[in-house]
Amino acid sequence: MRSLIFFAWFPLSILAATKTYDFNVGWTTANPDGLFDRRTMGINGKWPLPTIEVDKGDRVVVNLYNGLGDQNTSLHFHGLFQNGTNAMDGPAGVTQCPVAPGQSIVYDFVVDQPGTYWYHAHVKGQYPDGLRGAFIVHDAADPHKDLYDSEIVLTFSDWYHEQMSVLISEFVSIANPTGAEPVPQCALINDSRDVKINVEAGKTYLFRMVNIGAFAAQYIWFEGHTMRVVEVDGVYTKPTEASLIYLTAAQRVSVLITMRNDTSANFPFSGSMDEDLFDAVPPGLNPNVTGWLVYSDKNENPQPAELAEFDPFDDFVLEPVDEQELLQAPDYSFNLDVVMDNLADGANYAFFNDITYVKPKVPTLYTALSAGDMATNPIIYGHNTNPFVLKHNEVVEIVLNNLDPGKHPFHLLYRSEEEAGIYNASIAHDMPRIPMRRDVVLALLTGSERIWLFHCHLEWHMVSGLTATMIEAPLELQKTQKIPEGHLDQCKAQGLPTEGNAAGNTVNFLDLAGENKPPPRLPAGFTTRGIVALVFSVISALVGLAVIGWYGAAGAGK
């Protein structure tokens, strides 16, 4: 029997490889829309960033050096579950300390999921400054591999001329009491404009498309060609035709497109930012970005035709190839109610269940691993991390009630009509027998031991607190995982604690004195309208005082 096991395993061991990436993150200059040079986060002096490409089963080693000089950073590998390697997930304050300027960290994990993913910074809304790229996991067992001849990766994103540190300080501010999100200056494809993709007549291509933007969802279409969706967020789906796709921030979709049999014309493909997300559309904003399928360099590249309306494909009709059926009745169910509100500093914040997320002093993973039997008590993870401790091998149902008028791209298993109101479990809901699955789902099976964030994928809502922390099977986590010494050394070099509760208390885990907190609540009776009136009254008063002072100074000089 031993020899049989050996020979069954041996071919797999030959195929698996170690893919090593040495990333020096530093500042460079970019101007992708040709309108504005701005400081941009590059890797090894270059931007756009390289695509990470591996095969399923490969070991990935990313040696990250922070050469920014003036900002902390980290890397998160979006969509990868990191089963058994939770310390490699990347969000600072959750599974690691931030990487300070001049410091290095090693991410080392095995990829056991096929499909289309991406990597990005996970510190202070940083990735729109450029630290973002595609992460592709090829799969010898891809059920669609015989249907296409070649692969093409397309990233779609929004682009801001101002750096995020400035935009965040203006966004979470008394000067922005309604919480209006900054509107991007343009949309990009592959962090560029006017992208040209050379294609061959009659061939079928797998287009792996990723929205690596901070805010804007995009409508995507290819003129003169039909898409067949075959993967969403790493889940293979039965081929389904679509003419227009809606891709929110962080989502991925792979489609098959068969080229025409003649080379007499080139065809545009387009992304168009969803302007419904913007509080106000700036005059002159062009929400569109265009690329071309180039059959021949001799052909003209025509301008795209205008669409009369956006009627996107509904991804809820997709069926996974594995036909995994809907999970049984949940063992545990809880609500997350989304609201936006103001705090005493006058700024607008995002809340789950009246809690706006504030990162703890000790990364949540480190708290779980140092808490012993106390690890199952959600209190130790901090009042403001919005913690939910989940048991091992339970079916958990998350009911998300959006009480905010805006759109929020949570990836769900079931959705109600816009005017349906708060979810009522006593009413029968028409759940699909074989549901579409994406990164974050409404019902999940807690079969692993890990800590992760449930959050809105609009980066502005993430930085304003729309986040909850999921702590899966912390006692099992203690048995199976530990923090690499290099990660601990990097924390200690910054004087950051690596043990204790959210406040860093290692003696009494229930004592949260000194934990990080949001601004206090407003006094009863204040409304957003009142805050706006107050802010502008203060501004008017200050302007009036300045004018009086100016006139006084002018008079004194006569």
Protein backbone atom coordinates (compact mmCIF):
# COMPACT_ATOMS: atom_id res chain seq x y z
CA MET A 1 0.00 0.00 0.00
CA ARG A 2 2.82 2.41 0.80
CA SER A 3 4.28 2.05 -2.68
CA LEU A 4 0.90 2.64 -4.27
CA ILE A 5 0.43 5.83 -2.30
CA PHE A 6 3.93 6.94 -3.25
CA PHE A 7 3.42 6.49 -6.97
CA ALA A 8 0.01 8.18 -6.87
CA TRP A 9 1.59 11.18 -5.21
CA PHE A 10 4.84 11.26 -7.18
CA PRO A 11 3.58 12.81 -10.45
CA LEU A 12 1.90 15.62 -8.53
CA SER A 13 5.11 16.40 -6.67
CA ILE A 14 6.95 16.74 -9.98
CA LEU A 15 4.38 19.11 -11.42
CA ALA A 16 4.25 21.42 -8.40
CA ALA A 17 6.83 24.20 -8.45
CA THR A 18 7.97 27.10 -6.31
CA LYS A 19 7.35 30.49 -7.93
CA THR A 20 9.37 33.25 -6.28
CA TYR A 21 8.73 36.97 -6.72
CA ASP A 22 11.07 39.64 -5.38
CA PHE A 23 9.03 42.83 -4.99
CA ASN A 24 10.62 46.15 -4.05
CA VAL A 25 7.65 48.49 -3.59
CA GLY A 26 8.61 52.10 -4.26
CA TRP A 27 7.41 55.34 -5.74
CA THR A 28 7.47 55.99 -9.45
CA THR A 29 5.61 58.42 -11.74
CA ALA A 30 2.67 57.48 -13.95
CA ASN A 31 0.30 59.28 -16.29
CA PRO A 32 -1.98 56.61 -17.79
CA ASP A 33 -4.63 59.02 -19.08
CA GLY A 34 -2.12 61.51 -20.49
CA LEU A 35 -3.54 64.31 -18.36
CA PHE A 36 -1.63 64.31 -15.08
CA ASP A 37 1.70 63.01 -13.79
CA ARG A 38 1.27 61.61 -10.29
CA ARG A 39 3.28 59.68 -7.73
CA THR A 40 2.40 56.01 -8.11
CA MET A 41 3.36 52.85 -6.25
CA GLY A 42 5.39 50.60 -8.50
CA ILE A 43 7.29 47.35 -8.09
CA ASN A 44 10.99 47.19 -8.92
CA GLY A 45 10.75 50.67 -10.39
CA LYS A 46 7.99 49.79 -12.86
CA TRP A 47 4.26 50.40 -13.24
CA PRO A 48 1.81 48.88 -14.23
CA LEU A 49 2.60 45.94 -12.01
CA PRO A 50 3.47 42.40 -13.13
CA THR A 51 0.85 39.67 -13.25
CA ILE A 52 1.54 36.82 -10.84
CA GLU A 53 1.05 33.56 -12.79
CA VAL A 54 1.20 30.14 -11.17
CA ASP A 55 -0.24 26.66 -11.58
CA LYS A 56 -2.63 25.12 -9.10
CA GLY A 57 -0.58 23.34 -6.45
CA ASP A 58 2.43 25.66 -6.78
CA ARG A 59 4.14 27.18 -3.79
CA VAL A 60 4.27 30.99 -4.03
CA VAL A 61 6.98 32.99 -2.28
CA VAL A 62 6.74 36.78 -2.40
CA ASN A 63 9.68 38.62 -0.86
CA LEU A 64 8.27 42.09 -0.23
CA TYR A 65 10.52 45.05 0.61
CA ASN A 66 8.93 48.39 1.51
CA GLY A 67 10.98 50.98 -0.32
CA LEU A 68 8.29 53.68 -0.19
CA GLY A 69 10.12 55.65 2.48
CA ASP A 70 7.07 57.44 3.83
CA GLN A 71 4.24 54.88 4.11
CA ASN A 72 3.60 51.46 5.60
CA THR A 73 2.26 48.76 3.31
CA SER A 74 1.27 45.07 3.00
CA LEU A 75 0.02 42.68 0.30
CA HIS A 76 -3.28 40.81 0.24
CA PHE A 77 -3.97 38.03 -2.26
CA HIS A 78 -7.65 38.62 -2.94
CA GLY A 79 -9.89 35.56 -3.16
CA LEU A 80 -7.31 33.03 -1.95
CA PHE A 81 -8.60 31.34 1.20
CA GLN A 82 -5.14 30.74 2.70
CA ASN A 83 -6.30 27.52 4.38
CA GLY A 84 -3.54 26.62 6.84
CA THR A 85 -1.56 29.79 6.06
CA ASN A 86 -3.75 32.51 7.58
CA ALA A 87 -0.67 34.60 8.48
CA MET A 88 -0.04 35.10 4.74
CA ASP A 89 -3.40 36.77 4.03
CA GLY A 90 -2.01 40.30 4.28
CA PRO A 91 -4.50 42.76 5.84
CA ALA A 92 -2.58 44.87 8.35
CA GLY A 93 -4.14 44.75 11.82
CA VAL A 94 -5.90 41.49 11.00
CA THR A 95 -3.33 38.81 10.11
CA GLN A 96 -0.10 40.81 10.36
CA CYS A 97 1.49 44.10 11.38
CA PRO A 98 2.01 46.68 8.63
CA VAL A 99 5.37 46.60 6.85
CA ALA A 100 7.20 49.81 7.74
CA PRO A 101 9.52 51.65 5.33
CA GLY A 102 12.82 49.81 5.11
CA GLN A 103 11.30 46.55 6.36
CA SER A 104 10.79 43.26 4.54
CA ILE A 105 8.25 40.46 4.88
CA VAL A 106 7.94 37.05 3.23
CA TYR A 107 4.60 35.68 2.02
CA ASP A 108 4.88 31.92 1.56
CA PHE A 109 1.88 29.72 0.71
CA VAL A 110 0.60 26.97 -1.56
CA VAL A 111 -2.16 27.83 -4.03
CA ASP A 112 -4.84 25.14 -4.10
CA GLN A 113 -7.53 27.14 -5.91
CA PRO A 114 -7.70 27.58 -9.68
CA GLY A 115 -8.98 30.70 -11.38
CA THR A 116 -8.66 34.46 -11.62
CA TYR A 117 -7.62 36.55 -8.62
CA TRP A 118 -5.63 39.69 -7.85
CA TYR A 119 -3.19 41.08 -5.32
CA HIS A 120 -3.21 44.52 -3.74
CA ALA A 121 -2.04 46.62 -0.81
CA HIS A 122 -4.16 46.34 2.32
CA VAL A 123 -3.17 49.41 4.36
CA LYS A 124 -5.18 52.65 4.57
CA GLY A 125 -6.93 52.34 1.22
CA GLN A 126 -3.56 52.32 -0.50
CA TYR A 127 -4.02 50.19 -3.61
CA PRO A 128 -5.63 52.91 -5.80
CA ASP A 129 -2.20 54.57 -5.64
CA GLY A 130 -1.05 51.76 -7.93
CA LEU A 131 -0.16 48.76 -5.77
CA ARG A 132 -2.50 46.26 -7.50
CA GLY A 133 -2.19 43.53 -10.11
CA ALA A 134 -3.70 40.32 -11.47
CA PHE A 135 -3.01 36.90 -9.91
CA ILE A 136 -3.73 33.99 -12.28
CA VAL A 137 -3.85 30.33 -11.23
CA HIS A 138 -3.75 27.96 -14.21
CA ASP A 139 -5.33 24.56 -13.88
CA ALA A 140 -4.54 21.36 -15.78
CA ALA A 141 -8.02 20.14 -14.81
CA ASP A 142 -9.85 23.20 -16.14
CA PRO A 143 -13.11 21.74 -17.54
CA HIS A 144 -13.09 24.38 -20.30
CA LYS A 145 -9.44 24.06 -21.38
CA ASP A 146 -10.33 22.37 -24.69
CA LEU A 147 -12.67 25.22 -25.61
CA TYR A 148 -10.06 27.95 -26.11
CA ASP A 149 -6.72 28.50 -27.82
CA SER A 150 -5.15 31.22 -25.71
CA GLU A 151 -5.66 33.42 -22.63
CA ILE A 152 -5.77 37.21 -22.26
CA VAL A 153 -5.85 39.10 -18.95
CA LEU A 154 -7.76 42.39 -18.80
CA THR A 155 -7.89 44.55 -15.68
CA PHE A 156 -10.51 47.30 -15.40
CA SER A 157 -10.12 50.11 -12.91
CA ASP A 158 -10.86 53.69 -11.99
CA TRP A 159 -8.03 56.23 -11.68
CA TYR A 160 -7.54 59.20 -9.39
CA HIS A 161 -5.11 62.03 -10.01
CA GLU A 162 -4.73 62.75 -6.28
CA GLN A 163 -3.04 60.37 -3.85
CA MET A 164 -5.17 58.36 -1.46
CA SER A 165 -3.67 59.88 1.71
CA VAL A 166 -5.01 63.27 0.61
CA LEU A 167 -8.35 61.94 -0.67
CA ILE A 168 -9.04 59.95 2.51
CA SER A 169 -8.36 62.96 4.74
CA GLU A 170 -10.84 64.97 2.66
CA PHE A 171 -13.40 62.13 2.51
CA VAL A 172 -13.49 61.30 6.23
CA SER A 173 -13.80 64.92 7.26
CA ILE A 174 -16.15 67.49 8.79
CA ALA A 175 -15.95 69.22 5.41
CA ASN A 176 -17.71 66.17 3.85
CA PRO A 177 -20.56 65.49 6.30
CA THR A 178 -22.71 63.63 3.75
CA GLY A 179 -19.93 61.14 2.97
CA ALA A 180 -19.79 61.86 -0.76
CA GLU A 181 -17.13 59.60 -2.24
CA PRO A 182 -14.38 61.10 -4.40
CA VAL A 183 -15.16 60.62 -8.08
CA PRO A 184 -12.33 59.20 -10.23
CA GLN A 185 -10.92 61.15 -13.14
CA CYS A 186 -11.16 58.28 -15.64
CA ALA A 187 -11.37 54.54 -16.24
CA LEU A 188 -8.48 52.32 -17.33
CA ILE A 189 -7.91 48.95 -19.00
CA ASN A 190 -4.68 47.22 -17.97
CA ASP A 191 -3.83 50.46 -16.14
CA SER A 192 -3.73 52.20 -19.50
CA ARG A 193 -5.93 53.69 -22.21
CA ASP A 194 -6.48 52.67 -25.84
CA VAL A 195 -5.35 49.07 -25.31
CA LYS A 196 -4.91 47.00 -28.46
CA ILE A 197 -5.26 43.20 -28.31
CA ASN A 198 -3.97 41.32 -31.34
CA VAL A 199 -6.22 38.38 -32.21
CA GLU A 200 -6.36 35.70 -34.91
CA ALA A 201 -9.46 35.00 -36.97
CA GLY A 202 -11.43 31.93 -35.94
CA LYS A 203 -9.60 31.38 -32.66
CA THR A 204 -11.30 31.32 -29.26
CA TYR A 205 -9.76 33.25 -26.39
CA LEU A 206 -10.31 33.06 -22.65
CA PHE A 207 -10.52 36.65 -21.39
CA ARG A 208 -9.80 36.84 -17.66
CA MET A 209 -11.29 40.14 -16.50
CA VAL A 210 -10.65 41.72 -13.09
CA ASN A 211 -12.01 44.95 -11.60
CA ILE A 212 -9.03 46.23 -9.61
CA GLY A 213 -10.63 49.64 -9.02
CA ALA A 214 -11.35 51.41 -5.76
CA PHE A 215 -14.91 52.55 -6.38
CA ALA A 216 -16.50 52.33 -9.79
CA ALA A 217 -18.23 49.21 -11.05
CA GLN A 218 -17.97 48.89 -14.82
CA TYR A 219 -20.23 47.75 -17.61
CA ILE A 220 -18.16 45.72 -20.11
CA TRP A 221 -18.99 44.68 -23.65
CA PHE A 222 -17.30 43.56 -26.89
CA GLU A 223 -18.82 44.89 -30.10
CA GLY A 224 -19.63 42.28 -32.74
CA HIS A 225 -18.78 39.40 -30.40
CA THR A 226 -20.60 37.29 -27.82
CA MET A 227 -19.16 36.37 -24.44
CA ARG A 228 -19.64 33.01 -22.76
CA VAL A 229 -19.10 33.19 -19.01
CA VAL A 230 -17.11 30.20 -17.72
CA GLU A 231 -15.71 31.38 -14.37
CA VAL A 232 -16.57 33.90 -11.67
CA ASP A 233 -14.27 34.58 -8.72
CA GLY A 234 -12.45 31.26 -9.08
CA VAL A 235 -15.59 29.13 -9.55
CA TYR A 236 -16.01 27.31 -12.88
CA THR A 237 -19.46 27.82 -14.37
CA LYS A 238 -21.36 26.15 -17.14
CA PRO A 239 -20.83 28.28 -20.30
CA THR A 240 -23.54 30.94 -20.42
CA GLU A 241 -23.90 33.64 -23.07
CA ALA A 242 -23.75 37.32 -22.16
CA SER A 243 -23.61 40.48 -24.23
CA LEU A 244 -22.99 42.96 -21.38
CA ILE A 245 -21.35 42.26 -18.01
CA TYR A 246 -21.46 44.31 -14.81
CA LEU A 247 -18.21 43.97 -12.86
CA THR A 248 -18.04 45.56 -9.41
CA ALA A 249 -14.86 46.43 -7.56
CA ALA A 250 -12.88 43.24 -6.73
CA GLN A 251 -14.98 40.90 -8.90
CA ARG A 252 -13.53 38.67 -11.59
CA VAL A 253 -15.19 37.09 -14.61
CA SER A 254 -13.68 34.85 -17.28
CA VAL A 255 -15.37 34.63 -20.66
CA LEU A 256 -14.82 32.74 -23.88
CA ILE A 257 -14.94 34.83 -27.07
CA THR A 258 -14.61 33.29 -30.51
CA MET A 259 -13.15 35.60 -33.15
CA ARG A 260 -14.74 36.16 -36.52
CA ASN A 261 -13.49 34.21 -39.53
CA ASP A 262 -12.29 37.25 -41.51
CA THR A 263 -9.76 39.99 -40.80
CA SER A 264 -11.42 42.87 -42.63
CA ALA A 265 -12.30 44.88 -39.49
CA ASN A 266 -11.15 45.57 -35.94
CA PHE A 267 -13.68 45.81 -33.12
CA PRO A 268 -13.83 47.97 -30.00
CA PHE A 269 -14.47 46.64 -26.52
CA SER A 270 -15.41 49.01 -23.72
CA GLY A 271 -15.71 49.57 -20.02
CA SER A 272 -18.06 52.22 -18.67
CA MET A 273 -18.08 53.33 -15.04
CA ASP A 274 -21.44 53.06 -13.28
CA GLU A 275 -22.21 56.74 -12.68
CA ASP A 276 -25.13 55.85 -10.39
CA LEU A 277 -22.49 55.28 -7.71
CA PHE A 278 -21.39 58.93 -7.83
CA ASP A 279 -23.15 61.54 -5.66
CA ALA A 280 -22.55 64.07 -8.43
CA VAL A 281 -21.02 63.59 -11.88
CA PRO A 282 -18.33 66.22 -12.50
CA PRO A 283 -18.79 68.24 -15.71
CA GLY A 284 -16.85 66.76 -18.60
CA LEU A 285 -16.24 63.37 -16.96
CA ASN A 286 -15.77 60.62 -19.54
CA PRO A 287 -16.86 57.39 -17.82
CA ASN A 288 -15.76 55.19 -20.73
CA VAL A 289 -12.53 53.43 -21.64
CA THR A 290 -12.01 51.62 -24.93
CA GLY A 291 -9.71 48.93 -26.25
CA TRP A 292 -9.69 47.10 -29.58
CA LEU A 293 -9.63 43.55 -30.85
CA VAL A 294 -7.09 44.00 -33.63
CA TYR A 295 -7.53 41.50 -36.46
CA SER A 296 -5.10 43.44 -38.65
CA ASP A 297 -2.86 46.47 -38.06
CA LYS A 298 -3.99 47.70 -41.50
CA ASN A 299 -7.57 48.20 -40.29
CA GLU A 300 -8.88 51.32 -38.61
CA ASN A 301 -9.78 51.13 -34.93
CA PRO A 302 -13.36 52.45 -34.92
CA GLN A 303 -14.94 54.40 -32.07
CA PRO A 304 -17.43 52.35 -30.05
CA ALA A 305 -21.13 52.75 -30.71
CA GLU A 306 -23.23 54.33 -27.97
CA LEU A 307 -25.52 52.03 -26.03
CA ALA A 308 -29.12 53.13 -25.60
CA GLU A 309 -29.19 51.57 -22.12
CA PHE A 310 -27.20 49.30 -19.84
CA ASP A 311 -28.94 45.95 -19.41
CA PRO A 312 -26.26 43.70 -17.93
CA PHE A 313 -26.20 39.94 -17.69
CA ASP A 314 -27.52 38.64 -14.35
CA ASP A 315 -24.81 36.47 -12.80
CA PHE A 316 -27.36 34.88 -10.45
CA VAL A 317 -28.42 32.60 -13.30
CA LEU A 318 -24.96 31.01 -13.48
CA GLU A 319 -24.54 27.41 -12.36
CA PRO A 320 -21.22 26.07 -11.06
CA VAL A 321 -19.78 23.14 -12.96
CA ASP A 322 -19.42 21.12 -9.74
CA GLU A 323 -23.20 21.46 -9.12
CA GLN A 324 -22.69 21.96 -5.40
CA GLU A 325 -26.16 22.24 -3.93
CA LEU A 326 -27.46 24.86 -1.53
CA LEU A 327 -26.23 24.25 2.02
CA GLN A 328 -28.68 22.87 4.53
CA ALA A 329 -30.48 25.01 7.12
CA PRO A 330 -27.94 27.18 8.97
CA ASP A 331 -26.60 26.28 12.40
CA TYR A 332 -26.02 29.95 13.09
CA SER A 333 -27.53 33.07 11.54
CA PHE A 334 -26.91 36.74 12.19
CA ASN A 335 -27.74 40.08 10.63
CA LEU A 336 -25.42 42.81 9.40
CA ASP A 337 -27.35 46.07 8.97
CA VAL A 338 -25.64 48.71 6.82
CA VAL A 339 -26.03 52.39 7.68
CA MET A 340 -24.03 55.58 7.15
CA ASP A 341 -23.97 58.17 9.92
CA ASN A 342 -21.97 61.01 11.41
CA LEU A 343 -19.88 60.97 14.57
CA ALA A 344 -18.86 63.80 16.86
CA ASP A 345 -15.97 64.91 14.64
CA GLY A 346 -18.57 65.79 11.99
CA ALA A 347 -17.33 63.19 9.49
CA ASN A 348 -19.49 60.50 7.90
CA TYR A 349 -18.77 56.86 8.77
CA ALA A 350 -20.04 53.45 7.67
CA PHE A 351 -21.54 51.00 10.18
CA PHE A 352 -22.44 47.34 10.51
CA ASN A 353 -24.92 46.96 13.36
CA ASP A 354 -24.07 50.46 14.63
CA ILE A 355 -20.35 49.65 14.83
CA THR A 356 -17.77 51.34 12.60
CA TYR A 357 -14.59 49.29 12.28
CA VAL A 358 -11.39 50.44 13.99
CA LYS A 359 -8.36 48.19 13.74
CA PRO A 360 -7.03 46.74 17.01
CA LYS A 361 -3.61 47.34 18.56
CA VAL A 362 -2.82 43.63 18.20
CA PRO A 363 -3.58 41.89 14.89
CA THR A 364 -6.68 39.79 15.39
CA LEU A 365 -4.92 36.59 14.35
CA TYR A 366 -2.24 37.21 16.96
CA THR A 367 -4.90 37.73 19.63
CA ALA A 368 -6.57 34.42 18.72
CA LEU A 369 -3.29 32.52 18.89
CA SER A 370 -2.25 34.01 22.26
CA ALA A 371 -5.60 33.88 24.08
CA GLY A 372 -5.83 30.19 24.99
CA ASP A 373 -9.37 29.15 25.89
CA MET A 374 -10.44 32.82 25.85
CA ALA A 375 -10.14 32.80 22.05
CA THR A 376 -13.82 31.84 21.66
CA ASN A 377 -14.95 35.00 23.49
CA PRO A 378 -15.61 37.74 20.91
CA ILE A 379 -15.05 40.46 23.51
CA ILE A 380 -11.27 39.99 23.48
CA TYR A 381 -11.06 41.02 19.81
CA GLY A 382 -12.30 44.53 20.60
CA HIS A 383 -15.65 46.31 20.56
CA ASN A 384 -14.80 48.11 17.33
CA THR A 385 -13.57 45.23 15.19
CA ASN A 386 -17.16 43.94 14.96
CA PRO A 387 -16.09 40.36 15.76
CA PHE A 388 -18.08 37.19 15.12
CA VAL A 389 -16.66 33.91 16.43
CA LEU A 390 -17.74 30.98 14.24
CA LYS A 391 -17.60 27.34 15.27
CA HIS A 392 -15.89 24.61 13.29
CA ASN A 393 -17.88 22.83 10.55
CA GLU A 394 -21.03 24.91 10.95
CA VAL A 395 -23.33 26.28 8.27
CA VAL A 396 -23.45 30.02 8.89
CA GLU A 397 -25.98 32.39 7.36
CA ILE A 398 -25.17 36.10 7.09
CA VAL A 399 -28.22 38.27 6.45
CA LEU A 400 -27.16 41.61 5.00
CA ASN A 401 -29.72 44.41 5.25
CA ASN A 402 -28.71 47.46 3.23
CA LEU A 403 -30.39 50.36 5.02
CA ASP A 404 -28.35 52.86 3.03
CA PRO A 405 -29.66 54.22 -0.30
CA GLY A 406 -26.32 53.56 -2.03
CA LYS A 407 -25.05 50.41 -3.74
CA HIS A 408 -22.65 48.10 -1.91
CA PRO A 409 -20.90 45.26 -3.80
CA PHE A 410 -21.15 42.41 -1.33
CA HIS A 411 -21.11 39.11 -3.19
CA LEU A 412 -24.23 37.29 -2.11
CA LEU A 413 -26.13 34.07 -2.54
CA TYR A 414 -29.62 35.59 -2.49
CA ARG A 415 -30.82 39.13 -3.03
CA SER A 416 -34.24 40.71 -2.61
CA GLU A 417 -35.87 43.40 -4.67
CA GLU A 418 -34.64 46.94 -3.97
CA GLU A 419 -37.78 47.90 -2.07
CA ALA A 420 -38.20 44.64 -0.17
CA GLY A 421 -37.13 46.10 3.17
CA ILE A 422 -35.43 44.19 5.97
CA TYR A 423 -35.03 40.45 5.46
CA ASN A 424 -37.80 38.39 7.05
CA ALA A 425 -36.81 34.78 7.74
CA SER A 426 -40.43 33.74 8.17
CA ILE A 427 -41.16 34.47 4.50
CA ALA A 428 -40.20 31.77 2.01
CA HIS A 429 -37.45 32.85 -0.39
CA ASP A 430 -36.84 31.31 -3.76
CA MET A 431 -33.28 30.09 -3.28
CA PRO A 432 -31.64 28.29 -6.23
CA ARG A 433 -30.97 24.58 -5.69
CA ILE A 434 -27.49 25.01 -7.19
CA PRO A 435 -26.50 28.57 -6.31
CA MET A 436 -23.92 30.76 -7.99
CA ARG A 437 -20.87 31.17 -5.69
CA ARG A 438 -18.51 34.10 -5.33
CA ASP A 439 -15.80 35.18 -2.87
CA VAL A 440 -18.08 36.27 -0.05
CA VAL A 441 -21.36 34.39 0.24
CA LEU A 442 -24.50 34.72 2.27
CA ALA A 443 -24.28 31.16 3.57
CA LEU A 444 -20.92 29.56 4.24
CA LEU A 445 -19.48 26.36 5.67
CA THR A 446 -16.84 26.99 8.32
CA GLY A 447 -14.59 24.12 7.35
CA SER A 448 -11.30 25.94 7.88
CA GLU A 449 -9.54 27.78 10.67
CA ARG A 450 -8.89 31.38 9.73
CA ILE A 451 -9.61 35.02 10.41
CA TRP A 452 -10.91 37.25 7.64
CA LEU A 453 -12.77 40.47 7.01
CA PHE A 454 -16.30 40.74 5.67
CA HIS A 455 -16.38 44.18 4.10
CA CYS A 456 -17.75 46.31 1.33
CA HIS A 457 -15.52 46.25 -1.74
CA LEU A 458 -15.93 49.97 -2.35
CA GLU A 459 -12.66 51.19 -0.88
CA TRP A 460 -14.21 54.42 0.43
CA HIS A 461 -16.68 52.43 2.53
CA MET A 462 -13.90 50.14 3.72
CA VAL A 463 -11.81 53.08 5.00
CA SER A 464 -14.88 54.60 6.66
CA GLY A 465 -15.57 51.44 8.65
CA LEU A 466 -17.93 49.09 6.78
CA THR A 467 -16.19 45.96 8.02
CA ALA A 468 -16.82 43.00 10.31
CA THR A 469 -14.28 40.42 11.50
CA MET A 470 -14.95 36.68 11.14
CA ILE A 471 -13.00 34.43 13.52
CA GLU A 472 -13.41 30.81 12.39
CA ALA A 473 -12.65 27.98 14.84
CA PRO A 474 -10.00 29.83 16.89
CA LEU A 475 -9.20 26.84 19.11
CA GLU A 476 -8.51 24.72 16.03
CA LEU A 477 -6.49 27.61 14.65
CA GLN A 478 -4.23 27.45 17.71
CA LYS A 479 -3.50 23.77 17.01
CA THR A 480 -2.68 24.13 13.33
CA GLN A 481 -1.01 27.49 12.76
CA LYS A 482 1.65 29.80 14.14
CA ILE A 483 3.14 33.15 13.18
CA PRO A 484 6.47 33.02 11.30
CA GLU A 485 9.36 34.47 13.30
CA GLY A 486 10.08 36.96 10.54
CA HIS A 487 6.57 38.42 10.86
CA LEU A 488 6.93 38.70 14.64
CA ASP A 489 10.37 40.34 14.32
CA GLN A 490 8.96 42.88 11.90
CA CYS A 491 6.26 43.84 14.45
CA LYS A 492 8.73 44.07 17.32
CA ALA A 493 11.04 46.30 15.29
CA GLN A 494 8.17 48.82 15.20
CA GLY A 495 7.39 48.39 18.89
CA LEU A 496 4.05 46.77 18.08
CA PRO A 497 2.58 44.12 20.41
CA THR A 498 2.16 40.58 19.12
CA GLU A 499 0.16 39.10 22.02
CA GLY A 500 -2.86 40.01 24.07
CA ASN A 501 -6.35 41.29 23.41
CA ALA A 502 -7.31 44.12 21.05
CA ALA A 503 -5.85 46.62 23.56
CA GLY A 504 -2.61 44.67 23.96
CA ASN A 505 -3.49 43.42 27.45
CA THR A 506 -1.87 40.01 28.07
CA VAL A 507 -2.85 39.75 31.75
CA ASN A 508 -6.62 40.23 31.59
CA PHE A 509 -8.02 39.53 28.12
CA LEU A 510 -11.40 40.95 29.17
CA ASP A 511 -9.89 44.34 30.04
CA LEU A 512 -10.02 46.45 26.89
CA ALA A 513 -8.93 49.72 28.48
CA GLY A 514 -6.87 51.63 25.96
CA GLU A 515 -8.23 49.92 22.85
CA ASN A 516 -8.43 51.94 19.65
CA LYS A 517 -11.77 53.71 19.34
CA PRO A 518 -13.71 55.75 16.79
CA PRO A 519 -14.80 59.33 17.54
CA PRO A 520 -17.67 59.51 20.06
CA ARG A 521 -21.33 59.62 19.09
CA LEU A 522 -23.13 62.87 18.34
CA PRO A 523 -25.43 64.25 21.00
CA ALA A 524 -29.04 63.17 20.55
CA GLY A 525 -30.99 65.29 18.10
CA PHE A 526 -28.25 65.97 15.55
CA THR A 527 -29.05 65.04 11.95
CA THR A 528 -26.97 65.02 8.79
CA ARG A 529 -28.86 68.07 7.57
CA GLY A 530 -28.13 69.85 10.82
CA ILE A 531 -24.46 68.93 10.59
CA VAL A 532 -24.27 70.27 7.04
CA ALA A 533 -25.92 73.51 8.16
CA LEU A 534 -23.54 73.75 11.11
CA VAL A 535 -20.47 73.13 8.96
CA PHE A 536 -21.40 75.78 6.45
CA SER A 537 -22.35 78.19 9.20
CA VAL A 538 -18.90 77.76 10.71
CA ILE A 539 -17.24 78.16 7.31
CA SER A 540 -19.31 81.30 6.62
CA ALA A 541 -18.39 82.72 10.01
CA LEU A 542 -14.70 82.08 9.42
CA VAL A 543 -14.87 83.69 5.97
CA GLY A 544 -16.69 86.65 7.48
CA LEU A 545 -14.04 87.07 10.17
CA ALA A 546 -11.32 86.83 7.53
CA VAL A 547 -12.97 89.55 5.43
CA ILE A 548 -13.38 91.82 8.48
CA GLY A 549 -9.74 91.24 9.37
CA TRP A 550 -8.66 92.00 5.83
CA TYR A 551 -10.65 95.24 5.73
CA GLY A 552 -9.28 96.22 9.12
CA ALA A 553 -5.73 95.60 8.03
CA ALA A 554 -6.32 97.54 4.82
CA GLY A 555 -7.77 100.48 6.76
CA ALA A 556 -4.88 100.51 9.22
CA GLY A 557 -2.45 100.76 6.35
CA LYS A 558 -3.98 103.97 4.99
